[in-house]
Amino acid sequence: LVRMQFLQILSRKTGSLEMLFQIPFCQKQFPYTCLSTSACVYSKKKKGNSYEQVDQEKYKNLVHSVTSYKTSAQTPETILEEDNLLYGPPSKHRPPIKAGTKTPKNWVPLINPSKRILPVSSDSNVPMKIGLQRTKMPSVTRILQQTLSPQQVFYLERWKQKMIEQLGKEGFEEYTKNLFLQGELFHSALESIFLSEEMAAKEQGQDDVVAGYLSSVEHVLEDISEVKALESGVHHETLQYLGLVDCVAKYRGRLCVIDWKTSEKPKPFLQNTYDNPLQVAAYIGAINHDANYDFQVRCGLIVIAYKDGSPAHPHFMDPDLCSQYWNKWLLRLEEYMDKN
């Protein structure tokens, strides 16, 4: 027994086991079966995991609280996290957000394979401006508004109630009215700039609320060229929806659907723009399936302008990203059609 313990100790040291095999006395006194048993016992002890003995059900709540704490980021990336950062969690346990793994039932490609692309004409530099058709087809904005998730509806409604508490009901109505008016003036000023009416737009912008927004997007405008459409109506002939596109132009040499947005707080990441990428993808698909447009678009751009003149955040969407949001848009469209 003493010799066996001595052998086990030696077997744990590097090179000791090999030396023992070279000694004839040890070979005779301790058969190979004894050596393999000793090595096996040591191996089991090394691989043993004490965490397997923990009652996981007992500590489930503790694990959940520790892992969910990571959602309180300094830069919120979703409306849920932003609300949680500003007002605190509505309950102790928030249900996890499930990743969208569904695929559209009626899948239509983002790029129209049957559309014939005509050569670019250099004779006319006037951007297209097609009037929005007044039909029974739903708009992109309406579809997105009526297919918000229950979580989105809850947090948007709570934000509204917070604003009403601070401003009063009439004050909140005035606040939203001014935001809408500022957005319209900003878009009008941009349209004037793209139609080579820079001086008129700048003179108008110096004395009103759009001056800061124009200053904010000044560095983005330097990268935009060959404007092909402005405030132009589009409709998807196959999926039967319509919308009004802010701008179609080249951004750093790539043709994009451009969506201009105003914001009072920074939105440095694409995730901060909520459903705007779906809106851009919907417009891209509509243009590509609209016979009024003799071109196709593969990229998108969302520009967030700030009233205080801070440099705008341009969020470029390459073809792969546009395809991802196109699939998400198709799911929202299907949901709307099922409800209506």
Foldseek 3Di string as FASTA:
>chain_A
DVVLVVQLVLVVDPPSVVVLVVDVVSCVVPPPVSVVVSVVVVVVVVPDDPCVVDPCVVCVVVVQQVVVVVLCDPDHLALQNVLCVVPNDPDPDDDDDDDDPDFFPDDDDLADPPAAFDDDDPPDLDADAADADPDPFAALVVLCVVLDDPVVVVSVVVVLVVVCVVQNPVRSVVVVVVQVVLVVLLLVLVVCVSVVNPVVSQVVLVPDQCVLQCLQCVVQVVQWDSWHHAQHKFAAPPLRYIYTFHTWTDGNRATAREAEAEDADDDQDPSSVPCVLLNRLVVQSRLSRGPVHSDHHQKYWYWYTYRNNHHIHIDIGGNVNSRVSPRVNSVSSVVSVVVD
